[in-house]
Protein backbone atom coordinates (compact mmCIF):
# COMPACT_ATOMS: atom_id res chain seq x y z
CA MET A 1 -111.75 -180.48 101.36
CA TYR A 2 -109.11 -177.60 101.16
CA TYR A 3 -106.25 -180.11 100.19
CA SER A 4 -108.20 -181.66 97.34
CA GLU A 5 -108.88 -178.04 95.96
CA GLU A 6 -104.98 -177.37 96.13
CA ILE A 7 -104.14 -180.84 94.55
CA ILE A 8 -106.49 -179.98 91.71
CA LYS A 9 -105.16 -176.43 91.10
CA LYS A 10 -101.47 -177.94 91.29
CA ILE A 11 -102.34 -180.61 88.56
CA GLY A 12 -104.14 -177.59 86.59
CA THR A 13 -101.13 -175.55 86.83
CA ASP A 14 -98.84 -178.38 85.82
CA LYS A 15 -100.91 -179.30 82.75
CA GLU A 16 -100.69 -175.56 81.66
CA LEU A 17 -97.00 -175.51 82.08
CA ALA A 18 -96.54 -178.82 80.08
CA VAL A 19 -98.72 -177.38 77.27
CA ARG A 20 -96.60 -174.28 77.12
CA LEU A 21 -93.48 -176.35 77.19
CA ASP A 22 -94.64 -178.43 74.38
CA LYS A 23 -95.66 -175.26 72.45
CA ALA A 24 -92.17 -173.97 73.10
CA LEU A 25 -90.17 -177.00 71.89
CA VAL A 26 -92.39 -177.26 68.85
CA GLY A 27 -91.24 -173.30 68.31
CA VAL A 28 -87.59 -174.19 68.84
CA LYS A 29 -87.78 -177.27 66.52
CA GLU A 30 -89.21 -174.81 63.70
CA GLY A 31 -86.52 -172.45 64.20
CA VAL A 32 -84.00 -175.33 63.85
CA VAL A 33 -85.18 -176.68 60.89
CA ASP A 34 -85.34 -173.26 59.16
CA TYR A 35 -82.07 -172.43 60.33
CA LEU A 36 -80.64 -175.73 58.94
CA ASN A 37 -82.52 -174.92 55.78
CA GLY A 38 -80.87 -171.53 55.47
CA LEU A 39 -77.41 -173.35 56.39
CA GLU A 40 -77.75 -175.90 53.64
CA ASP A 41 -78.49 -173.00 50.98
CA GLY A 42 -75.51 -171.11 51.98
CA THR A 43 -73.45 -174.36 51.71
CA THR A 44 -74.71 -174.96 48.33
CA ARG A 45 -73.83 -171.46 47.51
CA LEU A 46 -70.28 -171.80 48.74
CA LEU A 47 -69.96 -175.10 46.84
CA TYR A 48 -70.91 -173.31 43.42
CA TYR A 49 -68.25 -170.85 44.32
CA THR A 50 -65.60 -173.68 44.22
CA SER A 51 -66.38 -173.58 40.41
CA CYS A 52 -64.25 -170.12 40.30
CA LEU A 53 -61.17 -172.47 41.05
CA THR A 54 -61.50 -174.37 37.80
CA ASP A 55 -60.69 -172.98 34.24
CA ASN A 56 -63.36 -174.89 33.00
CA TYR A 57 -66.42 -173.25 34.67
CA GLN A 58 -65.47 -169.70 34.61
CA ASP A 59 -68.80 -168.69 32.85
CA VAL A 60 -70.69 -170.50 35.89
CA CYS A 61 -68.32 -168.48 38.29
CA ASN A 62 -69.36 -165.12 36.63
CA LYS A 63 -72.96 -165.91 36.57
CA ILE A 64 -72.94 -166.69 40.23
CA PHE A 65 -70.99 -163.40 41.02
CA SER A 66 -73.45 -161.38 38.69
CA GLU A 67 -76.47 -162.85 40.60
CA ASP A 68 -75.18 -162.00 44.07
CA LYS A 69 -74.04 -158.60 42.95
CA ARG A 70 -77.76 -158.01 41.70
CA PHE A 71 -79.18 -159.64 44.87
CA LEU A 72 -76.86 -156.96 46.95
CA PHE A 73 -78.01 -154.14 44.83
CA SER A 74 -81.51 -155.13 45.30
CA LEU A 75 -81.25 -155.15 49.02
CA ARG A 76 -79.48 -151.92 49.16
CA GLU A 77 -82.44 -150.29 47.24
CA LEU A 78 -85.03 -152.05 49.39
CA ILE A 79 -83.19 -150.52 52.43
CA LYS A 80 -82.98 -147.36 50.61
CA HIS A 81 -86.44 -146.98 49.61
CA ARG A 82 -88.44 -148.72 52.61
CA ASP A 83 -91.82 -147.71 51.34
CA VAL A 84 -91.56 -149.77 48.20
CA ILE A 85 -94.57 -151.61 48.51
CA LEU A 86 -96.81 -148.39 48.94
CA ARG A 87 -95.14 -147.12 45.91
CA MET A 88 -96.06 -150.31 43.96
CA ILE A 89 -99.62 -150.11 44.87
CA LYS A 90 -99.88 -146.63 43.75
CA ILE A 91 -98.34 -147.33 40.35
CA TYR A 92 -100.91 -150.00 40.00
CA ILE A 93 -103.64 -147.87 41.02
CA GLU A 94 -102.34 -145.07 38.61
CA THR A 95 -102.15 -147.80 35.72
CA ILE A 96 -105.53 -148.98 36.46
CA LEU A 97 -107.02 -145.49 36.39
CA LYS A 98 -105.12 -144.49 33.51
CA ASN A 99 -106.81 -147.43 31.60
CA LYS A 100 -109.92 -146.86 32.84
CA SER A 101 -109.95 -143.31 31.61
CA GLU A 102 -108.74 -144.23 28.28
CA GLU A 103 -111.45 -146.95 27.81
CA LYS A 104 -113.85 -144.54 28.77
CA LYS A 105 -112.51 -141.93 26.17
CA GLU A 106 -112.55 -144.56 23.57
CA ASN A 107 -116.47 -145.54 24.30
CA ASN A 108 -117.41 -142.02 24.38
CA PRO A 109 -115.91 -140.43 21.25
């Protein structure tokens, strides 16, 4: 009787380990797919920068450079002002309250 209980516990433990391994492998797969998608985006961006090597596509090069500069500026501002979401909510609420008070003034002359 004692041996059968040990065998059942061992099978249960092995099953639990197999389920955890399966979940871990799914997570690794998702991470690799996300990484490859990011790598693809970076490669595409780098390919767009090859337009800077030709005279005919300098406008495209300037546009890409301008976009990247704006993106980096935005990142810097996000890092500098970490409470940006709170500030946006505050502005939204203030705007709604201001509009409500203006409507109230218009309805009650």
